Amino acid sequence: MADVIIVLVLVVIVLIALKSTRKHMKGESSCCGGGGEIYQALEDKKLDNPIIKENVFKIKGMTCQHCVANVTKAINAVEGVSAQVNLKKEEAHVVYDREVDDQKIISAIQQAGYDVK
């Protein structure tokens, strides 16, 4: 009986792992890793006006350079800000050239699939 329970537990673990792997490979996880895409470095976003503010956002959930690229793209899509994201420090350093509500940046990060600490 114990052997049957062990086998069932292992089958469940394997099924969960396969489901996660499939999701990752289709590019549906918060990490964009799958699909054979090669990471390409992003150019720094140039701001039109002088920098008036800086802020650092702690980000949870980044695991690779693909994640860094996703977060950078998400933040840089917000008008008036430019980001440099650091994987090791788990943070984004954001500079502003105009007044932008921090909630817009937080929302952009969350929509990209990551959490802000």
PDB file of N, CA and C in Angstrom:
ATOM      1  N   MET A   1       0.823  -1.203   0.000  1.00  0.00           N
ATOM      2  CA  MET A   1       0.000   0.000   0.000  1.00  0.00           C
ATOM      3  C   MET A   1       0.866   1.266   0.000  1.00  0.00           C
ATOM      4  N   ALA A   2       1.944   1.216   0.782  1.00  0.00           N
ATOM      5  CA  ALA A   2       2.838   2.374   0.846  1.00  0.00           C
ATOM      6  C   ALA A   2       3.478   2.631  -0.519  1.00  0.00           C
ATOM      7  N   ASP A   3       3.789   1.569  -1.253  1.00  0.00           N
ATOM      8  CA  ASP A   3       4.385   1.719  -2.579  1.00  0.00           C
ATOM      9  C   ASP A   3       3.434   2.438  -3.531  1.00  0.00           C
ATOM     10  N   VAL A   4       2.171   2.132  -3.449  1.00  0.00           N
ATOM     11  CA  VAL A   4       1.167   2.765  -4.306  1.00  0.00           C
ATOM     12  C   VAL A   4       1.075   4.257  -3.996  1.00  0.00           C
ATOM     13  N   ILE A   5       1.089   4.607  -2.738  1.00  0.00           N
ATOM     14  CA  ILE A   5       1.014   6.015  -2.341  1.00  0.00           C
ATOM     15  C   ILE A   5       2.243   6.770  -2.833  1.00  0.00           C
ATOM     16  N   ILE A   6       3.403   6.174  -2.691  1.00  0.00           N
ATOM     17  CA  ILE A   6       4.638   6.813  -3.155  1.00  0.00           C
ATOM     18  C   ILE A   6       4.594   7.023  -4.666  1.00  0.00           C
ATOM     19  N   VAL A   7       4.152   6.021  -5.397  1.00  0.00           N
ATOM     20  CA  VAL A   7       4.053   6.139  -6.851  1.00  0.00           C
ATOM     21  C   VAL A   7       3.066   7.232  -7.241  1.00  0.00           C
ATOM     22  N   LEU A   8       1.933   7.308  -6.572  1.00  0.00           N
ATOM     23  CA  LEU A   8       0.939   8.354  -6.866  1.00  0.00           C
ATOM     24  C   LEU A   8       1.494   9.740  -6.584  1.00  0.00           C
ATOM     25  N   VAL A   9       2.204   9.896  -5.485  1.00  0.00           N
ATOM     26  CA  VAL A   9       2.809  11.195  -5.158  1.00  0.00           C
ATOM     27  C   VAL A   9       3.815  11.583  -6.223  1.00  0.00           C
ATOM     28  N   LEU A  10       4.637  10.644  -6.648  1.00  0.00           N
ATOM     29  CA  LEU A  10       5.618  10.926  -7.693  1.00  0.00           C
ATOM     30  C   LEU A  10       4.954  11.292  -9.018  1.00  0.00           C
ATOM     31  N   VAL A  11       3.879  10.622  -9.360  1.00  0.00           N
ATOM     32  CA  VAL A  11       3.143  10.937 -10.586  1.00  0.00           C
ATOM     33  C   VAL A  11       2.588  12.359 -10.527  1.00  0.00           C
ATOM     34  N   VAL A  12       2.040  12.742  -9.393  1.00  0.00           N
ATOM     35  CA  VAL A  12       1.505  14.103  -9.233  1.00  0.00           C
ATOM     36  C   VAL A  12       2.624  15.130  -9.368  1.00  0.00           C
ATOM     37  N   ILE A  13       3.763  14.869  -8.757  1.00  0.00           N
ATOM     38  CA  ILE A  13       4.897  15.795  -8.851  1.00  0.00           C
ATOM     39  C   ILE A  13       5.362  15.933 -10.296  1.00  0.00           C
ATOM     40  N   VAL A  14       5.459  14.830 -10.999  1.00  0.00           N
ATOM     41  CA  VAL A  14       5.880  14.868 -12.403  1.00  0.00           C
ATOM     42  C   VAL A  14       4.870  15.640 -13.250  1.00  0.00           C
ATOM     43  N   LEU A  15       3.589  15.451 -13.028  1.00  0.00           N
ATOM     44  CA  LEU A  15       2.564  16.176 -13.786  1.00  0.00           C
ATOM     45  C   LEU A  15       2.645  17.681 -13.534  1.00  0.00           C
ATOM     46  N   ILE A  16       2.849  18.060 -12.289  1.00  0.00           N
ATOM     47  CA  ILE A  16       2.984  19.485 -11.965  1.00  0.00           C
ATOM     48  C   ILE A  16       4.224  20.062 -12.648  1.00  0.00           C
ATOM     49  N   ALA A  17       5.320  19.330 -12.608  1.00  0.00           N
ATOM     50  CA  ALA A  17       6.551  19.792 -13.249  1.00  0.00           C
ATOM     51  C   ALA A  17       6.369  19.936 -14.756  1.00  0.00           C
ATOM     52  N   LEU A  18       5.703  18.975 -15.372  1.00  0.00           N
ATOM     53  CA  LEU A  18       5.462  19.048 -16.819  1.00  0.00           C
ATOM     54  C   LEU A  18       4.578  20.236 -17.185  1.00  0.00           C
ATOM     55  N   LYS A  19       3.571  20.496 -16.365  1.00  0.00           N
ATOM     56  CA  LYS A  19       2.686  21.637 -16.619  1.00  0.00           C
ATOM     57  C   LYS A  19       3.466  22.947 -16.532  1.00  0.00           C
ATOM     58  N   SER A  20       4.314  23.089 -15.513  1.00  0.00           N
ATOM     59  CA  SER A  20       5.119  24.303 -15.360  1.00  0.00           C
ATOM     60  C   SER A  20       6.105  24.462 -16.502  1.00  0.00           C
ATOM     61  N   THR A  21       6.727  23.361 -16.901  1.00  0.00           N
ATOM     62  CA  THR A  21       7.688  23.406 -18.003  1.00  0.00           C
ATOM     63  C   THR A  21       6.997  23.805 -19.297  1.00  0.00           C
ATOM     64  N   ARG A  22       5.847  23.253 -19.548  1.00  0.00           N
ATOM     65  CA  ARG A  22       5.091  23.584 -20.760  1.00  0.00           C
ATOM     66  C   ARG A  22       4.735  25.075 -20.784  1.00  0.00           C
ATOM     67  N   LYS A  23       4.274  25.582 -19.650  1.00  0.00           N
ATOM     68  CA  LYS A  23       3.921  26.996 -19.546  1.00  0.00           C
ATOM     69  C   LYS A  23       5.156  27.868 -19.786  1.00  0.00           C
ATOM     70  N   HIS A  24       6.277  27.484 -19.204  1.00  0.00           N
ATOM     71  CA  HIS A  24       7.509  28.244 -19.371  1.00  0.00           C
ATOM     72  C   HIS A  24       7.968  28.235 -20.826  1.00  0.00           C
ATOM     73  N   MET A  25       7.926  27.086 -21.462  1.00  0.00           N
ATOM     74  CA  MET A  25       8.396  26.964 -22.833  1.00  0.00           C
ATOM     75  C   MET A  25       7.496  27.684 -23.837  1.00  0.00           C
ATOM     76  N   LYS A  26       6.237  27.871 -23.493  1.00  0.00           N
ATOM     77  CA  LYS A  26       5.326  28.618 -24.361  1.00  0.00           C
ATOM     78  C   LYS A  26       5.447  30.117 -24.124  1.00  0.00           C
ATOM     79  N   GLY A  27       6.292  30.507 -23.154  1.00  0.00           N
ATOM     80  CA  GLY A  27       6.488  31.925 -22.866  1.00  0.00           C
ATOM     81  C   GLY A  27       5.363  32.534 -22.064  1.00  0.00           C
ATOM     82  N   GLU A  28       4.608  31.714 -21.334  1.00  0.00           N
ATOM     83  CA  GLU A  28       3.467  32.215 -20.580  1.00  0.00           C
ATOM     84  C   GLU A  28       3.772  32.454 -19.104  1.00  0.00           C
ATOM     85  N   SER A  29       4.967  32.128 -18.665  1.00  0.00           N
ATOM     86  CA  SER A  29       5.312  32.372 -17.273  1.00  0.00           C
ATOM     87  C   SER A  29       5.829  33.796 -17.149  1.00  0.00           C
ATOM     88  N   SER A  30       6.014  34.270 -15.912  1.00  0.00           N
ATOM     89  CA  SER A  30       6.497  35.642 -15.740  1.00  0.00           C
ATOM     90  C   SER A  30       7.890  35.803 -16.326  1.00  0.00           C
ATOM     91  N   CYS A  31       8.634  34.721 -16.385  1.00  0.00           N
ATOM     92  CA  CYS A  31       9.931  34.730 -17.064  1.00  0.00           C
ATOM     93  C   CYS A  31       9.659  34.348 -18.517  1.00  0.00           C
ATOM     94  N   CYS A  32      10.131  35.146 -19.425  1.00  0.00           N
ATOM     95  CA  CYS A  32       9.799  34.942 -20.841  1.00  0.00           C
ATOM     96  C   CYS A  32      10.618  33.853 -21.490  1.00  0.00           C
ATOM     97  N   GLY A  33      11.394  33.119 -20.740  1.00  0.00           N
ATOM     98  CA  GLY A  33      12.409  32.191 -21.182  1.00  0.00           C
ATOM     99  C   GLY A  33      12.175  31.316 -22.381  1.00  0.00           C
ATOM    100  N   GLY A  34      11.015  30.752 -22.607  1.00  0.00           N
ATOM    101  CA  GLY A  34      10.853  29.730 -23.635  1.00  0.00           C
ATOM    102  C   GLY A  34      10.891  30.244 -25.056  1.00  0.00           C
ATOM    103  N   GLY A  35      10.557  29.362 -25.974  1.00  0.00           N
ATOM    104  CA  GLY A  35      10.413  29.739 -27.368  1.00  0.00           C
ATOM    105  C   GLY A  35      11.706  29.925 -28.118  1.00  0.00           C
ATOM    106  N   GLY A  36      12.844  29.661 -27.507  1.00  0.00           N
ATOM    107  CA  GLY A  36      14.114  29.773 -28.203  1.00  0.00           C
ATOM    108  C   GLY A  36      14.552  31.192 -28.484  1.00  0.00           C
ATOM    109  N   GLU A  37      13.918  32.185 -27.858  1.00  0.00           N
ATOM    110  CA  GLU A  37      14.329  33.565 -28.067  1.00  0.00           C
ATOM    111  C   GLU A  37      15.697  33.797 -27.457  1.00  0.00           C
ATOM    112  N   ILE A  38      16.502  34.585 -28.125  1.00  0.00           N
ATOM    113  CA  ILE A  38      17.815  34.938 -27.602  1.00  0.00           C
ATOM    114  C   ILE A  38      17.700  36.310 -26.971  1.00  0.00           C
ATOM    115  N   TYR A  39      18.265  36.444 -25.762  1.00  0.00           N
ATOM    116  CA  TYR A  39      18.231  37.728 -25.059  1.00  0.00           C
ATOM    117  C   TYR A  39      19.026  38.755 -25.841  1.00  0.00           C
ATOM    118  N   GLN A  40      18.445  39.919 -26.026  1.00  0.00           N
ATOM    119  CA  GLN A  40      19.142  41.027 -26.667  1.00  0.00           C
ATOM    120  C   GLN A  40      19.196  42.189 -25.693  1.00  0.00           C
ATOM    121  N   ALA A  41      20.371  42.761 -25.538  1.00  0.00           N
ATOM    122  CA  ALA A  41      20.535  43.888 -24.621  1.00  0.00           C
ATOM    123  C   ALA A  41      19.699  45.064 -25.103  1.00  0.00           C
ATOM    124  N   LEU A  42      19.101  45.762 -24.151  1.00  0.00           N
ATOM    125  CA  LEU A  42      18.291  46.934 -24.477  1.00  0.00           C
ATOM    126  C   LEU A  42      19.149  48.187 -24.438  1.00  0.00           C
ATOM    127  N   GLU A  43      18.866  49.092 -25.342  1.00  0.00           N
ATOM    128  CA  GLU A  43      19.540  50.378 -25.295  1.00  0.00           C
ATOM    129  C   GLU A  43      18.889  51.219 -24.213  1.00  0.00           C
ATOM    130  N   ASP A  44      19.688  52.102 -23.589  1.00  0.00           N
ATOM    131  CA  ASP A  44      19.131  53.000 -22.588  1.00  0.00           C
ATOM    132  C   ASP A  44      18.140  53.950 -23.252  1.00  0.00           C
ATOM    133  N   LYS A  45      17.030  54.172 -22.574  1.00  0.00           N
ATOM    134  CA  LYS A  45      16.024  55.106 -23.083  1.00  0.00           C
ATOM    135  C   LYS A  45      16.509  56.524 -22.798  1.00  0.00           C
ATOM    136  N   LYS A  46      16.512  57.356 -23.810  1.00  0.00           N
ATOM    137  CA  LYS A  46      16.926  58.751 -23.665  1.00  0.00           C
ATOM    138  C   LYS A  46      15.712  59.597 -23.321  1.00  0.00           C
ATOM    139  N   LEU A  47      15.873  60.422 -22.309  1.00  0.00           N
ATOM    140  CA  LEU A  47      14.785  61.320 -21.905  1.00  0.00           C
ATOM    141  C   LEU A  47      14.963  62.669 -22.596  1.00  0.00           C
ATOM    142  N   ASP A  48      13.839  63.355 -22.846  1.00  0.00           N
ATOM    143  CA  ASP A  48      13.862  64.616 -23.574  1.00  0.00           C
ATOM    144  C   ASP A  48      14.247  65.807 -22.711  1.00  0.00           C
ATOM    145  N   ASN A  49      13.936  65.739 -21.442  1.00  0.00           N
ATOM    146  CA  ASN A  49      14.140  66.870 -20.533  1.00  0.00           C
ATOM    147  C   ASN A  49      15.153  66.504 -19.453  1.00  0.00           C
ATOM    148  N   PRO A  50      15.629  67.496 -18.689  1.00  0.00           N
ATOM    149  CA  PRO A  50      16.556  67.194 -17.590  1.00  0.00           C
ATOM    150  C   PRO A  50      15.886  66.312 -16.529  1.00  0.00           C
ATOM    151  N   ILE A  51      16.686  65.523 -15.859  1.00  0.00           N
ATOM    152  CA  ILE A  51      16.176  64.631 -14.811  1.00  0.00           C
ATOM    153  C   ILE A  51      15.775  65.462 -13.595  1.00  0.00           C
ATOM    154  N   ILE A  52      14.539  65.217 -13.123  1.00  0.00           N
ATOM    155  CA  ILE A  52      14.042  65.974 -11.963  1.00  0.00           C
ATOM    156  C   ILE A  52      13.843  65.095 -10.733  1.00  0.00           C
ATOM    157  N   LYS A  53      13.910  63.775 -10.904  1.00  0.00           N
ATOM    158  CA  LYS A  53      13.628  62.880  -9.783  1.00  0.00           C
ATOM    159  C   LYS A  53      14.249  61.516 -10.071  1.00  0.00           C
ATOM    160  N   GLU A  54      14.615  60.807  -9.004  1.00  0.00           N
ATOM    161  CA  GLU A  54      15.102  59.431  -9.115  1.00  0.00           C
ATOM    162  C   GLU A  54      14.399  58.601  -8.052  1.00  0.00           C
ATOM    163  N   ASN A  55      14.206  57.316  -8.363  1.00  0.00           N
ATOM    164  CA  ASN A  55      13.567  56.422  -7.409  1.00  0.00           C
ATOM    165  C   ASN A  55      14.081  55.003  -7.653  1.00  0.00           C
ATOM    166  N   VAL A  56      14.091  54.195  -6.598  1.00  0.00           N
ATOM    167  CA  VAL A  56      14.499  52.809  -6.707  1.00  0.00           C
ATOM    168  C   VAL A  56      13.322  51.938  -6.295  1.00  0.00           C
ATOM    169  N   PHE A  57      12.979  50.972  -7.149  1.00  0.00           N
ATOM    170  CA  PHE A  57      11.895  50.033  -6.875  1.00  0.00           C
ATOM    171  C   PHE A  57      12.497  48.649  -6.664  1.00  0.00           C
ATOM    172  N   LYS A  58      12.172  48.024  -5.548  1.00  0.00           N
ATOM    173  CA  LYS A  58      12.600  46.657  -5.277  1.00  0.00           C
ATOM    174  C   LYS A  58      11.620  45.728  -5.989  1.00  0.00           C
ATOM    175  N   ILE A  59      12.158  44.786  -6.774  1.00  0.00           N
ATOM    176  CA  ILE A  59      11.322  43.922  -7.605  1.00  0.00           C
ATOM    177  C   ILE A  59      11.546  42.465  -7.221  1.00  0.00           C
ATOM    178  N   LYS A  60      10.455  41.755  -7.053  1.00  0.00           N
ATOM    179  CA  LYS A  60      10.509  40.346  -6.682  1.00  0.00           C
ATOM    180  C   LYS A  60      10.061  39.505  -7.875  1.00  0.00           C
ATOM    181  N   GLY A  61      10.795  38.414  -8.130  1.00  0.00           N
ATOM    182  CA  GLY A  61      10.370  37.484  -9.170  1.00  0.00           C
ATOM    183  C   GLY A  61      11.274  37.428 -10.381  1.00  0.00           C
ATOM    184  N   MET A  62      12.284  38.290 -10.464  1.00  0.00           N
ATOM    185  CA  MET A  62      13.198  38.237 -11.600  1.00  0.00           C
ATOM    186  C   MET A  62      14.207  37.108 -11.376  1.00  0.00           C
ATOM    187  N   THR A  63      14.422  36.298 -12.414  1.00  0.00           N
ATOM    188  CA  THR A  63      15.343  35.174 -12.277  1.00  0.00           C
ATOM    189  C   THR A  63      16.441  35.151 -13.337  1.00  0.00           C
ATOM    190  N   CYS A  64      16.320  35.960 -14.380  1.00  0.00           N
ATOM    191  CA  CYS A  64      17.283  35.881 -15.481  1.00  0.00           C
ATOM    192  C   CYS A  64      17.308  37.208 -16.241  1.00  0.00           C
ATOM    193  N   GLN A  65      18.175  37.258 -17.261  1.00  0.00           N
ATOM    194  CA  GLN A  65      18.274  38.480 -18.053  1.00  0.00           C
ATOM    195  C   GLN A  65      17.017  38.733 -18.891  1.00  0.00           C
ATOM    196  N   HIS A  66      16.271  37.693 -19.200  1.00  0.00           N
ATOM    197  CA  HIS A  66      14.989  37.894 -19.885  1.00  0.00           C
ATOM    198  C   HIS A  66      14.039  38.677 -18.976  1.00  0.00           C
ATOM    199  N   CYS A  67      14.061  38.355 -17.703  1.00  0.00           N
ATOM    200  CA  CYS A  67      13.225  39.072 -16.746  1.00  0.00           C
ATOM    201  C   CYS A  67      13.641  40.539 -16.669  1.00  0.00           C
ATOM    202  N   VAL A  68      14.947  40.773 -16.640  1.00  0.00           N
ATOM    203  CA  VAL A  68      15.463  42.141 -16.615  1.00  0.00           C
ATOM    204  C   VAL A  68      14.972  42.904 -17.841  1.00  0.00           C
ATOM    205  N   ALA A  69      15.040  42.270 -19.001  1.00  0.00           N
ATOM    206  CA  ALA A  69      14.577  42.917 -20.232  1.00  0.00           C
ATOM    207  C   ALA A  69      13.085  43.206 -20.170  1.00  0.00           C
ATOM    208  N   ASN A  70      12.293  42.264 -19.644  1.00  0.00           N
ATOM    209  CA  ASN A  70      10.845  42.479 -19.522  1.00  0.00           C
ATOM    210  C   ASN A  70      10.530  43.666 -18.625  1.00  0.00           C
ATOM    211  N   VAL A  71      11.182  43.732 -17.471  1.00  0.00           N
ATOM    212  CA  VAL A  71      10.926  44.821 -16.526  1.00  0.00           C
ATOM    213  C   VAL A  71      11.381  46.149 -17.117  1.00  0.00           C
ATOM    214  N   THR A  72      12.558  46.153 -17.750  1.00  0.00           N
ATOM    215  CA  THR A  72      13.078  47.384 -18.359  1.00  0.00           C
ATOM    216  C   THR A  72      12.120  47.898 -19.430  1.00  0.00           C
ATOM    217  N   LYS A  73      11.666  46.997 -20.302  1.00  0.00           N
ATOM    218  CA  LYS A  73      10.716  47.402 -21.354  1.00  0.00           C
ATOM    219  C   LYS A  73       9.419  47.944 -20.755  1.00  0.00           C
ATOM    220  N   ALA A  74       8.935  47.281 -19.722  1.00  0.00           N
ATOM    221  CA  ALA A  74       7.675  47.700 -19.104  1.00  0.00           C
ATOM    222  C   ALA A  74       7.792  49.097 -18.506  1.00  0.00           C
ATOM    223  N   ILE A  75       8.877  49.343 -17.790  1.00  0.00           N
ATOM    224  CA  ILE A  75       9.049  50.663 -17.170  1.00  0.00           C
ATOM    225  C   ILE A  75       9.306  51.720 -18.234  1.00  0.00           C
ATOM    226  N   ASN A  76      10.160  51.408 -19.207  1.00  0.00           N
ATOM    227  CA  ASN A  76      10.483  52.387 -20.243  1.00  0.00           C
ATOM    228  C   ASN A  76       9.296  52.716 -21.140  1.00  0.00           C
ATOM    229  N   ALA A  77       8.265  51.897 -21.117  1.00  0.00           N
ATOM    230  CA  ALA A  77       7.055  52.206 -21.884  1.00  0.00           C
ATOM    231  C   ALA A  77       6.267  53.345 -21.254  1.00  0.00           C
ATOM    232  N   VAL A  78       6.544  53.641 -19.987  1.00  0.00           N
ATOM    233  CA  VAL A  78       5.886  54.768 -19.312  1.00  0.00           C
ATOM    234  C   VAL A  78       6.572  56.050 -19.773  1.00  0.00           C
ATOM    235  N   GLU A  79       5.805  56.981 -20.264  1.00  0.00           N
ATOM    236  CA  GLU A  79       6.320  58.237 -20.791  1.00  0.00           C
ATOM    237  C   GLU A  79       6.953  59.062 -19.667  1.00  0.00           C
ATOM    238  N   GLY A  80       8.164  59.556 -19.920  1.00  0.00           N
ATOM    239  CA  GLY A  80       8.819  60.454 -18.971  1.00  0.00           C
ATOM    240  C   GLY A  80       9.749  59.775 -17.979  1.00  0.00           C
ATOM    241  N   VAL A  81       9.970  58.466 -18.124  1.00  0.00           N
ATOM    242  CA  VAL A  81      10.875  57.767 -17.217  1.00  0.00           C
ATOM    243  C   VAL A  81      11.827  56.869 -18.005  1.00  0.00           C
ATOM    244  N   SER A  82      12.959  56.562 -17.376  1.00  0.00           N
ATOM    245  CA  SER A  82      13.923  55.635 -17.949  1.00  0.00           C
ATOM    246  C   SER A  82      14.454  54.762 -16.820  1.00  0.00           C
ATOM    247  N   ALA A  83      14.608  53.466 -17.091  1.00  0.00           N
ATOM    248  CA  ALA A  83      14.991  52.524 -16.042  1.00  0.00           C
ATOM    249  C   ALA A  83      16.269  51.782 -16.373  1.00  0.00           C
ATOM    250  N   GLN A  84      17.016  51.472 -15.317  1.00  0.00           N
ATOM    251  CA  GLN A  84      18.120  50.530 -15.378  1.00  0.00           C
ATOM    252  C   GLN A  84      17.815  49.486 -14.311  1.00  0.00           C
ATOM    253  N   VAL A  85      17.717  48.235 -14.728  1.00  0.00           N
ATOM    254  CA  VAL A  85      17.297  47.154 -13.833  1.00  0.00           C
ATOM    255  C   VAL A  85      18.497  46.281 -13.500  1.00  0.00           C
ATOM    256  N   ASN A  86      18.631  45.951 -12.208  1.00  0.00           N
ATOM    257  CA  ASN A  86      19.734  45.140 -11.727  1.00  0.00           C
ATOM    258  C   ASN A  86      19.186  43.833 -11.167  1.00  0.00           C
ATOM    259  N   LEU A  87      19.577  42.718 -11.778  1.00  0.00           N
ATOM    260  CA  LEU A  87      19.083  41.404 -11.364  1.00  0.00           C
ATOM    261  C   LEU A  87      19.600  41.023  -9.979  1.00  0.00           C
ATOM    262  N   LYS A  88      20.885  41.198  -9.726  1.00  0.00           N
ATOM    263  CA  LYS A  88      21.466  40.802  -8.438  1.00  0.00           C
ATOM    264  C   LYS A  88      20.870  41.576  -7.267  1.00  0.00           C
ATOM    265  N   LYS A  89      20.667  42.865  -7.455  1.00  0.00           N
ATOM    266  CA  LYS A  89      20.097  43.690  -6.390  1.00  0.00           C
ATOM    267  C   LYS A  89      18.581  43.602  -6.349  1.00  0.00           C
ATOM    268  N   GLU A  90      17.982  42.990  -7.384  1.00  0.00           N
ATOM    269  CA  GLU A  90      16.528  42.888  -7.509  1.00  0.00           C
ATOM    270  C   GLU A  90      15.863  44.264  -7.419  1.00  0.00           C
ATOM    271  N   GLU A  91      16.362  45.190  -8.222  1.00  0.00           N
ATOM    272  CA  GLU A  91      15.812  46.536  -8.176  1.00  0.00           C
ATOM    273  C   GLU A  91      15.898  47.228  -9.530  1.00  0.00           C
ATOM    274  N   ALA A  92      15.054  48.243  -9.649  1.00  0.00           N
ATOM    275  CA  ALA A  92      15.060  49.095 -10.838  1.00  0.00           C
ATOM    276  C   ALA A  92      15.352  50.518 -10.386  1.00  0.00           C
ATOM    277  N   HIS A  93      16.357  51.115 -10.984  1.00  0.00           N
ATOM    278  CA  HIS A  93      16.683  52.512 -10.714  1.00  0.00           C
ATOM    279  C   HIS A  93      16.005  53.326 -11.814  1.00  0.00           C
ATOM    280  N   VAL A  94      15.085  54.176 -11.432  1.00  0.00           N
ATOM    281  CA  VAL A  94      14.267  54.915 -12.397  1.00  0.00           C
ATOM    282  C   VAL A  94      14.543  56.400 -12.262  1.00  0.00           C
ATOM    283  N   VAL A  95      14.766  57.053 -13.404  1.00  0.00           N
ATOM    284  CA  VAL A  95      14.915  58.510 -13.436  1.00  0.00           C
ATOM    285  C   VAL A  95      13.727  59.101 -14.188  1.00  0.00           C
ATOM    286  N   TYR A  96      13.348  60.309 -13.784  1.00  0.00           N
ATOM    287  CA  TYR A  96      12.160  60.973 -14.315  1.00  0.00           C
ATOM    288  C   TYR A  96      12.567  62.304 -14.945  1.00  0.00           C
ATOM    289  N   ASP A  97      11.929  62.660 -16.057  1.00  0.00           N
ATOM    290  CA  ASP A  97      12.142  63.987 -16.621  1.00  0.00           C
ATOM    291  C   ASP A  97      10.876  64.845 -16.512  1.00  0.00           C
ATOM    292  N   ARG A  98       9.877  64.301 -15.832  1.00  0.00           N
ATOM    293  CA  ARG A  98       8.622  65.028 -15.567  1.00  0.00           C
ATOM    294  C   ARG A  98       7.922  64.346 -14.401  1.00  0.00           C
ATOM    295  N   GLU A  99       6.869  64.933 -13.921  1.00  0.00           N
ATOM    296  CA  GLU A  99       6.112  64.344 -12.815  1.00  0.00           C
ATOM    297  C   GLU A  99       5.337  63.137 -13.327  1.00  0.00           C
ATOM    298  N   VAL A 100       5.624  61.981 -12.752  1.00  0.00           N
ATOM    299  CA  VAL A 100       4.933  60.738 -13.092  1.00  0.00           C
ATOM    300  C   VAL A 100       4.591  60.050 -11.785  1.00  0.00           C
ATOM    301  N   ASP A 101       3.348  59.629 -11.655  1.00  0.00           N
ATOM    302  CA  ASP A 101       2.919  58.928 -10.448  1.00  0.00           C
ATOM    303  C   ASP A 101       3.632  57.577 -10.359  1.00  0.00           C
ATOM    304  N   ASP A 102       4.232  57.303  -9.201  1.00  0.00           N
ATOM    305  CA  ASP A 102       4.950  56.034  -9.013  1.00  0.00           C
ATOM    306  C   ASP A 102       4.033  54.827  -9.225  1.00  0.00           C
ATOM    307  N   GLN A 103       2.741  55.002  -8.999  1.00  0.00           N
ATOM    308  CA  GLN A 103       1.798  53.898  -9.179  1.00  0.00           C
ATOM    309  C   GLN A 103       1.764  53.435 -10.637  1.00  0.00           C
ATOM    310  N   LYS A 104       2.010  54.341 -11.588  1.00  0.00           N
ATOM    311  CA  LYS A 104       2.065  53.953 -13.005  1.00  0.00           C
ATOM    312  C   LYS A 104       3.226  52.982 -13.243  1.00  0.00           C
ATOM    313  N   ILE A 105       4.339  53.253 -12.607  1.00  0.00           N
ATOM    314  CA  ILE A 105       5.511  52.389 -12.765  1.00  0.00           C
ATOM    315  C   ILE A 105       5.271  51.047 -12.082  1.00  0.00           C
ATOM    316  N   ILE A 106       4.711  51.090 -10.885  1.00  0.00           N
ATOM    317  CA  ILE A 106       4.390  49.858 -10.162  1.00  0.00           C
ATOM    318  C   ILE A 106       3.420  49.009 -10.972  1.00  0.00           C
ATOM    319  N   SER A 107       2.405  49.637 -11.556  1.00  0.00           N
ATOM    320  CA  SER A 107       1.435  48.909 -12.376  1.00  0.00           C
ATOM    321  C   SER A 107       2.097  48.282 -13.603  1.00  0.00           C
ATOM    322  N   ALA A 108       3.007  49.012 -14.231  1.00  0.00           N
ATOM    323  CA  ALA A 108       3.710  48.485 -15.402  1.00  0.00           C
ATOM    324  C   ALA A 108       4.528  47.244 -15.026  1.00  0.00           C
ATOM    325  N   ILE A 109       5.191  47.302 -13.878  1.00  0.00           N
ATOM    326  CA  ILE A 109       5.987  46.157 -13.409  1.00  0.00           C
ATOM    327  C   ILE A 109       5.074  44.971 -13.121  1.00  0.00           C
ATOM    328  N   GLN A 110       3.956  45.225 -12.462  1.00  0.00           N
ATOM    329  CA  GLN A 110       3.025  44.148 -12.128  1.00  0.00           C
ATOM    330  C   GLN A 110       2.387  43.551 -13.382  1.00  0.00           C
ATOM    331  N   GLN A 111       2.069  44.364 -14.356  1.00  0.00           N
ATOM    332  CA  GLN A 111       1.496  43.862 -15.607  1.00  0.00           C
ATOM    333  C   GLN A 111       2.491  43.006 -16.370  1.00  0.00           C
ATOM    334  N   ALA A 112       3.785  43.254 -16.145  1.00  0.00           N
ATOM    335  CA  ALA A 112       4.814  42.436 -16.785  1.00  0.00           C
ATOM    336  C   ALA A 112       4.990  41.101 -16.067  1.00  0.00           C
ATOM    337  N   GLY A 113       4.329  40.940 -14.905  1.00  0.00           N
ATOM    338  CA  GLY A 113       4.352  39.661 -14.197  1.00  0.00           C
ATOM    339  C   GLY A 113       5.257  39.607 -12.991  1.00  0.00           C
ATOM    340  N   TYR A 114       5.644  40.741 -12.461  1.00  0.00           N
ATOM    341  CA  TYR A 114       6.572  40.786 -11.322  1.00  0.00           C
ATOM    342  C   TYR A 114       5.933  41.571 -10.177  1.00  0.00           C
ATOM    343  N   ASP A 115       6.465  41.380  -8.985  1.00  0.00           N
ATOM    344  CA  ASP A 115       5.953  42.072  -7.803  1.00  0.00           C
ATOM    345  C   ASP A 115       6.905  43.160  -7.366  1.00  0.00           C
ATOM    346  N   VAL A 116       6.356  44.216  -6.821  1.00  0.00           N
ATOM    347  CA  VAL A 116       7.147  45.297  -6.259  1.00  0.00           C
ATOM    348  C   VAL A 116       7.088  45.167  -4.746  1.00  0.00           C
ATOM    349  N   LYS A 117       8.268  45.109  -4.135  1.00  0.00           N
ATOM    350  CA  LYS A 117       8.351  44.947  -2.672  1.00  0.00           C
ATOM    351  C   LYS A 117       8.014  46.250  -1.976  1.00  0.00           C
TER     352      LYS A 117
END
